[in-house]
C-alpha atoms as a PDB file:
ATOM      1  CA  UNK A   1      66.709  90.250 112.456  1.00  0.00           C
ATOM      2  CA  UNK A   2      70.199  88.487 112.802  1.00  0.00           C
ATOM      3  CA  UNK A   3      71.028  86.953 115.965  1.00  0.00           C
ATOM      4  CA  UNK A   4      74.687  86.681 115.495  1.00  0.00           C
ATOM      5  CA  UNK A   5      74.888  90.539 113.817  1.00  0.00           C
ATOM      6  CA  UNK A   6      73.208  91.982 116.954  1.00  0.00           C
ATOM      7  CA  UNK A   7      75.728  90.600 119.208  1.00  0.00           C
ATOM      8  CA  UNK A   8      78.482  93.120 119.936  1.00  0.00           C
ATOM      9  CA  UNK A   9      82.016  92.002 119.519  1.00  0.00           C
ATOM     10  CA  UNK A  10      84.013  92.834 122.885  1.00  0.00           C
ATOM     11  CA  UNK A  11      87.572  94.103 122.515  1.00  0.00           C
ATOM     12  CA  UNK A  12      90.244  92.040 124.594  1.00  0.00           C
ATOM     13  CA  UNK A  13      93.327  94.039 126.452  1.00  0.00           C
ATOM     14  CA  UNK A  14      95.977  94.643 123.953  1.00  0.00           C
ATOM     15  CA  UNK A  15      93.827  94.506 120.845  1.00  0.00           C
ATOM     16  CA  UNK A  16      93.488  97.731 118.551  1.00  0.00           C
ATOM     17  CA  UNK A  17      91.223  98.326 115.878  1.00  0.00           C
ATOM     18  CA  UNK A  18      91.351 100.949 113.136  1.00  0.00           C
ATOM     19  CA  UNK A  19      88.455 101.719 110.916  1.00  0.00           C
ATOM     20  CA  UNK A  20      88.410 103.199 107.597  1.00  0.00           C
ATOM     21  CA  UNK A  21      85.356 103.392 106.185  1.00  0.00           C
ATOM     22  CA  UNK A  22      84.639  99.761 104.788  1.00  0.00           C
ATOM     23  CA  UNK A  23      88.376  98.701 105.788  1.00  0.00           C
ATOM     24  CA  UNK A  24      88.951  97.336 109.382  1.00  0.00           C
ATOM     25  CA  UNK A  25      92.465  96.643 110.880  1.00  0.00           C
ATOM     26  CA  UNK A  26      92.775  94.700 113.903  1.00  0.00           C
ATOM     27  CA  UNK A  27      96.150  94.776 115.502  1.00  0.00           C
ATOM     28  CA  UNK A  28      97.111  92.438 118.746  1.00  0.00           C
ATOM     29  CA  UNK A  29      99.869  90.761 120.364  1.00  0.00           C
ATOM     30  CA  UNK A  30      99.873  87.875 117.997  1.00  0.00           C
ATOM     31  CA  UNK A  31      99.721  90.084 114.729  1.00  0.00           C
ATOM     32  CA  UNK A  32      97.573  91.840 112.623  1.00  0.00           C
ATOM     33  CA  UNK A  33      94.752  91.207 110.202  1.00  0.00           C
ATOM     34  CA  UNK A  34      93.171  93.435 107.683  1.00  0.00           C
ATOM     35  CA  UNK A  35      89.821  93.219 105.616  1.00  0.00           C
ATOM     36  CA  UNK A  36      87.326  95.103 103.419  1.00  0.00           C
ATOM     37  CA  UNK A  37      83.785  94.213 104.614  1.00  0.00           C
ATOM     38  CA  UNK A  38      80.952  94.931 102.427  1.00  0.00           C
ATOM     39  CA  UNK A  39      78.831  98.255 101.518  1.00  0.00           C
ATOM     40  CA  UNK A  40      75.808  97.351 103.056  1.00  0.00           C
ATOM     41  CA  UNK A  41      77.128  97.065 106.774  1.00  0.00           C
ATOM     42  CA  UNK A  42      78.426  99.906 109.184  1.00  0.00           C
ATOM     43  CA  UNK A  43      80.844  99.333 111.615  1.00  0.00           C
ATOM     44  CA  UNK A  44      81.562 101.276 114.683  1.00  0.00           C
ATOM     45  CA  UNK A  45      83.788 101.010 117.666  1.00  0.00           C
ATOM     46  CA  UNK A  46      82.513 102.122 121.245  1.00  0.00           C
ATOM     47  CA  UNK A  47      83.038 101.349 124.775  1.00  0.00           C
ATOM     48  CA  UNK A  48      85.736  98.703 124.169  1.00  0.00           C
ATOM     49  CA  UNK A  49      83.207  96.908 121.496  1.00  0.00           C
ATOM     50  CA  UNK A  50      82.221  96.828 118.085  1.00  0.00           C
ATOM     51  CA  UNK A  51      78.835  96.993 116.833  1.00  0.00           C
ATOM     52  CA  UNK A  52      77.873  96.113 112.968  1.00  0.00           C
ATOM     53  CA  UNK A  53      74.557  97.260 111.853  1.00  0.00           C
ATOM     54  CA  UNK A  54      72.785  96.924 108.215  1.00  0.00           C
ATOM     55  CA  UNK A  55      72.681 100.228 106.460  1.00  0.00           C
ATOM     56  CA  UNK A  56      69.419  98.989 104.546  1.00  0.00           C
ATOM     57  CA  UNK A  57      66.901  96.262 105.275  1.00  0.00           C
ATOM     58  CA  UNK A  58      67.258  94.228 102.182  1.00  0.00           C
ATOM     59  CA  UNK A  59      67.479  90.420 102.711  1.00  0.00           C
ATOM     60  CA  UNK A  60      71.235  90.824 101.236  1.00  0.00           C
ATOM     61  CA  UNK A  61      72.148  93.419 103.949  1.00  0.00           C
ATOM     62  CA  UNK A  62      70.877  91.303 106.953  1.00  0.00           C
ATOM     63  CA  UNK A  63      72.512  87.832 105.722  1.00  0.00           C
ATOM     64  CA  UNK A  64      76.167  90.366 105.264  1.00  0.00           C
ATOM     65  CA  UNK A  65      75.222  91.630 108.738  1.00  0.00           C
ATOM     66  CA  UNK A  66      75.672  88.518 110.497  1.00  0.00           C
ATOM     67  CA  UNK A  67      78.526  87.253 108.077  1.00  0.00           C
ATOM     68  CA  UNK A  68      80.755  90.579 108.695  1.00  0.00           C
ATOM     69  CA  UNK A  69      80.067  90.275 112.582  1.00  0.00           C
ATOM     70  CA  UNK A  70      81.198  86.796 112.832  1.00  0.00           C
ATOM     71  CA  UNK A  71      84.140  87.627 110.438  1.00  0.00           C
ATOM     72  CA  UNK A  72      85.166  90.596 112.448  1.00  0.00           C
ATOM     73  CA  UNK A  73      85.146  88.294 115.786  1.00  0.00           C
ATOM     74  CA  UNK A  74      87.014  85.926 114.040  1.00  0.00           C
ATOM     75  CA  UNK A  75      89.710  88.713 113.750  1.00  0.00           C
ATOM     76  CA  UNK A  76      89.461  89.558 117.182  1.00  0.00           C
ATOM     77  CA  UNK A  77      90.189  86.047 118.749  1.00  0.00           C
ATOM     78  CA  UNK A  78      93.028  85.726 116.056  1.00  0.00           C
ATOM     79  CA  UNK A  79      95.106  88.351 116.875  1.00  0.00           C
ATOM     80  CA  UNK A  80      94.527  87.550 120.515  1.00  0.00           C
ATOM     81  CA  UNK A  81      94.760  84.055 121.139  1.00  0.00           C
ATOM     82  CA  UNK A  82      95.231  82.531 117.538  1.00  0.00           C
ATOM     83  CA  UNK A  83      93.175  79.452 116.016  1.00  0.00           C
ATOM     84  CA  UNK A  84      94.794  75.752 115.816  1.00  0.00           C
ATOM     85  CA  UNK A  85      93.679  72.428 113.425  1.00  0.00           C
ATOM     86  CA  UNK A  86      94.796  69.382 114.019  1.00  0.00           C
ATOM     87  CA  UNK A  87      94.987  66.797 111.424  1.00  0.00           C
ATOM     88  CA  UNK A  88      95.533  63.300 112.185  1.00  0.00           C
ATOM     89  CA  UNK A  89      97.370  60.607 109.455  1.00  0.00           C
ATOM     90  CA  UNK A  90      96.103  57.173 109.270  1.00  0.00           C
ATOM     91  CA  UNK A  91      97.326  53.936 107.542  1.00  0.00           C
ATOM     92  CA  UNK A  92     100.441  51.648 107.386  1.00  0.00           C
ATOM     93  CA  UNK A  93     103.652  53.666 106.371  1.00  0.00           C
ATOM     94  CA  UNK A  94     101.699  57.007 105.795  1.00  0.00           C
ATOM     95  CA  UNK A  95     103.736  59.689 107.366  1.00  0.00           C
ATOM     96  CA  UNK A  96     104.442  63.547 107.559  1.00  0.00           C
ATOM     97  CA  UNK A  97     107.758  65.225 107.915  1.00  0.00           C
ATOM     98  CA  UNK A  98     107.932  69.029 108.244  1.00  0.00           C
ATOM     99  CA  UNK A  99     111.335  70.787 106.469  1.00  0.00           C
ATOM    100  CA  UNK A 100     111.438  74.531 107.275  1.00  0.00           C
ATOM    101  CA  UNK A 101     108.001  75.611 105.818  1.00  0.00           C
ATOM    102  CA  UNK A 102     107.749  72.664 103.721  1.00  0.00           C
ATOM    103  CA  UNK A 103     105.453  69.352 104.665  1.00  0.00           C
ATOM    104  CA  UNK A 104     106.434  66.453 103.060  1.00  0.00           C
ATOM    105  CA  UNK A 105     103.917  63.617 103.025  1.00  0.00           C
ATOM    106  CA  UNK A 106     104.165  59.877 102.406  1.00  0.00           C
ATOM    107  CA  UNK A 107     100.904  58.964 101.419  1.00  0.00           C
ATOM    108  CA  UNK A 108     101.160  55.582  99.575  1.00  0.00           C
ATOM    109  CA  UNK A 109     101.571  57.470  96.498  1.00  0.00           C
ATOM    110  CA  UNK A 110     104.894  56.232  94.453  1.00  0.00           C
ATOM    111  CA  UNK A 111     105.766  60.172  94.969  1.00  0.00           C
ATOM    112  CA  UNK A 112     106.089  61.927  98.427  1.00  0.00           C
ATOM    113  CA  UNK A 113     103.956  64.799  98.225  1.00  0.00           C
ATOM    114  CA  UNK A 114     105.744  68.192  98.980  1.00  0.00           C
ATOM    115  CA  UNK A 115     103.032  71.046 100.353  1.00  0.00           C
ATOM    116  CA  UNK A 116     104.487  74.629 100.970  1.00  0.00           C
ATOM    117  CA  UNK A 117     102.844  76.378 103.765  1.00  0.00           C
ATOM    118  CA  UNK A 118     101.537  79.686 103.135  1.00  0.00           C
ATOM    119  CA  UNK A 119     102.532  82.934 104.797  1.00  0.00           C
ATOM    120  CA  UNK A 120     100.576  83.092 108.239  1.00  0.00           C
ATOM    121  CA  UNK A 121     100.215  79.384 108.862  1.00  0.00           C
ATOM    122  CA  UNK A 122     102.862  77.096 110.664  1.00  0.00           C
ATOM    123  CA  UNK A 123     102.785  73.506 111.590  1.00  0.00           C
ATOM    124  CA  UNK A 124     104.074  71.264 114.002  1.00  0.00           C
ATOM    125  CA  UNK A 125     104.329  67.498 113.250  1.00  0.00           C
ATOM    126  CA  UNK A 126     103.827  64.981 116.234  1.00  0.00           C
ATOM    127  CA  UNK A 127     104.644  60.998 116.210  1.00  0.00           C
ATOM    128  CA  UNK A 128     104.603  61.358 112.356  1.00  0.00           C
ATOM    129  CA  UNK A 129     100.905  61.133 112.030  1.00  0.00           C
ATOM    130  CA  UNK A 130      99.647  64.091 113.879  1.00  0.00           C
ATOM    131  CA  UNK A 131     100.007  67.764 112.194  1.00  0.00           C
ATOM    132  CA  UNK A 132      99.163  70.561 114.080  1.00  0.00           C
ATOM    133  CA  UNK A 133      98.837  73.805 112.042  1.00  0.00           C
ATOM    134  CA  UNK A 134      98.361  77.184 113.878  1.00  0.00           C
ATOM    135  CA  UNK A 135      97.540  80.709 112.740  1.00  0.00           C
ATOM    136  CA  UNK A 136      95.787  84.170 112.961  1.00  0.00           C
ATOM    137  CA  UNK A 137      93.520  83.922 110.190  1.00  0.00           C
ATOM    138  CA  UNK A 138      91.030  81.386 110.818  1.00  0.00           C
ATOM    139  CA  UNK A 139      89.806  81.457 106.950  1.00  0.00           C
ATOM    140  CA  UNK A 140      93.541  80.647 105.703  1.00  0.00           C
ATOM    141  CA  UNK A 141      93.954  78.331 108.309  1.00  0.00           C
ATOM    142  CA  UNK A 142      90.809  76.266 107.410  1.00  0.00           C
ATOM    143  CA  UNK A 143      91.677  76.387 103.819  1.00  0.00           C
ATOM    144  CA  UNK A 144      95.173  75.100 104.499  1.00  0.00           C
ATOM    145  CA  UNK A 145      94.036  72.271 106.408  1.00  0.00           C
ATOM    146  CA  UNK A 146      91.235  71.319 103.556  1.00  0.00           C
ATOM    147  CA  UNK A 147      94.193  71.492 101.262  1.00  0.00           C
ATOM    148  CA  UNK A 148      96.311  68.893 102.979  1.00  0.00           C
ATOM    149  CA  UNK A 149      93.261  66.610 103.458  1.00  0.00           C
ATOM    150  CA  UNK A 150      92.426  66.683 100.251  1.00  0.00           C
ATOM    151  CA  UNK A 151      95.743  64.502  99.303  1.00  0.00           C
ATOM    152  CA  UNK A 152      94.065  61.661 100.824  1.00  0.00           C
ATOM    153  CA  UNK A 153      90.712  61.754 102.323  1.00  0.00           C
ATOM    154  CA  UNK A 154      89.993  59.389 104.388  1.00  0.00           C
ATOM    155  CA  UNK A 155      88.057  56.080 102.974  1.00  0.00           C
ATOM    156  CA  UNK A 156      85.191  54.483 104.409  1.00  0.00           C
ATOM    157  CA  UNK A 157      86.450  50.759 104.177  1.00  0.00           C
ATOM    158  CA  UNK A 158      89.678  51.015 105.996  1.00  0.00           C
ATOM    159  CA  UNK A 159      89.894  54.528 107.193  1.00  0.00           C
ATOM    160  CA  UNK A 160      93.252  55.093 105.374  1.00  0.00           C
ATOM    161  CA  UNK A 161      93.890  58.908 104.778  1.00  0.00           C
ATOM    162  CA  UNK A 162      94.094  62.226 106.698  1.00  0.00           C
ATOM    163  CA  UNK A 163      91.042  63.225 108.720  1.00  0.00           C
ATOM    164  CA  UNK A 164      90.469  66.176 111.061  1.00  0.00           C
ATOM    165  CA  UNK A 165      91.029  65.285 115.082  1.00  0.00           C
ATOM    166  CA  UNK A 166      87.296  65.617 115.507  1.00  0.00           C
ATOM    167  CA  UNK A 167      86.298  64.165 112.793  1.00  0.00           C
ATOM    168  CA  UNK A 168      84.894  60.703 112.766  1.00  0.00           C
ATOM    169  CA  UNK A 169      84.943  58.433 109.770  1.00  0.00           C
ATOM    170  CA  UNK A 170      81.749  56.278 108.959  1.00  0.00           C
ATOM    171  CA  UNK A 171      82.986  52.932 108.314  1.00  0.00           C
ATOM    172  CA  UNK A 172      81.023  50.527 106.021  1.00  0.00           C
ATOM    173  CA  UNK A 173      81.716  46.776 105.845  1.00  0.00           C
ATOM    174  CA  UNK A 174      83.681  45.457 103.048  1.00  0.00           C
ATOM    175  CA  UNK A 175      82.244  42.636 100.638  1.00  0.00           C
ATOM    176  CA  UNK A 176      80.147  39.711 102.193  1.00  0.00           C
ATOM    177  CA  UNK A 177      81.696  36.336 101.001  1.00  0.00           C
ATOM    178  CA  UNK A 178      80.032  33.610  98.910  1.00  0.00           C
ATOM    179  CA  UNK A 179      78.370  31.253 101.027  1.00  0.00           C
END
């Protein structure tokens, strides 16, 4: 039995859900999200909450049960509150600048890196070294943050690069001198 799948997804005020077979549309004050769920799970709405049930007892159905409930909860939270992801840039001369929906990054390469933000994700740059990404789709937001981080992942010796704000970088000691 899935501990996550058993939990109901409560619907906050102002969130409207339409279920059409396996297609679910969640509409809220921040926007609308659509997703098609796996055929092994069944989604029902009653008493201001959503419940997910497996259609059979196979291992795959149990796995999809918990996953579907988590995805559904993220959709409801996204349209009601939204999600935020913060990236920090460390390094001398490393900085970010936002022009429209394009993020210009100076990361120590011979050229500036230009990253076009996908639709549904917005960014704000504070102090030239902190990028705050916001959006209603948690999956798209995480993917965008990972793509930006991949341009220059933090290195373990000096800590230079792009890292998540809550991430800690394990530092290594450099070469020991000859004695």
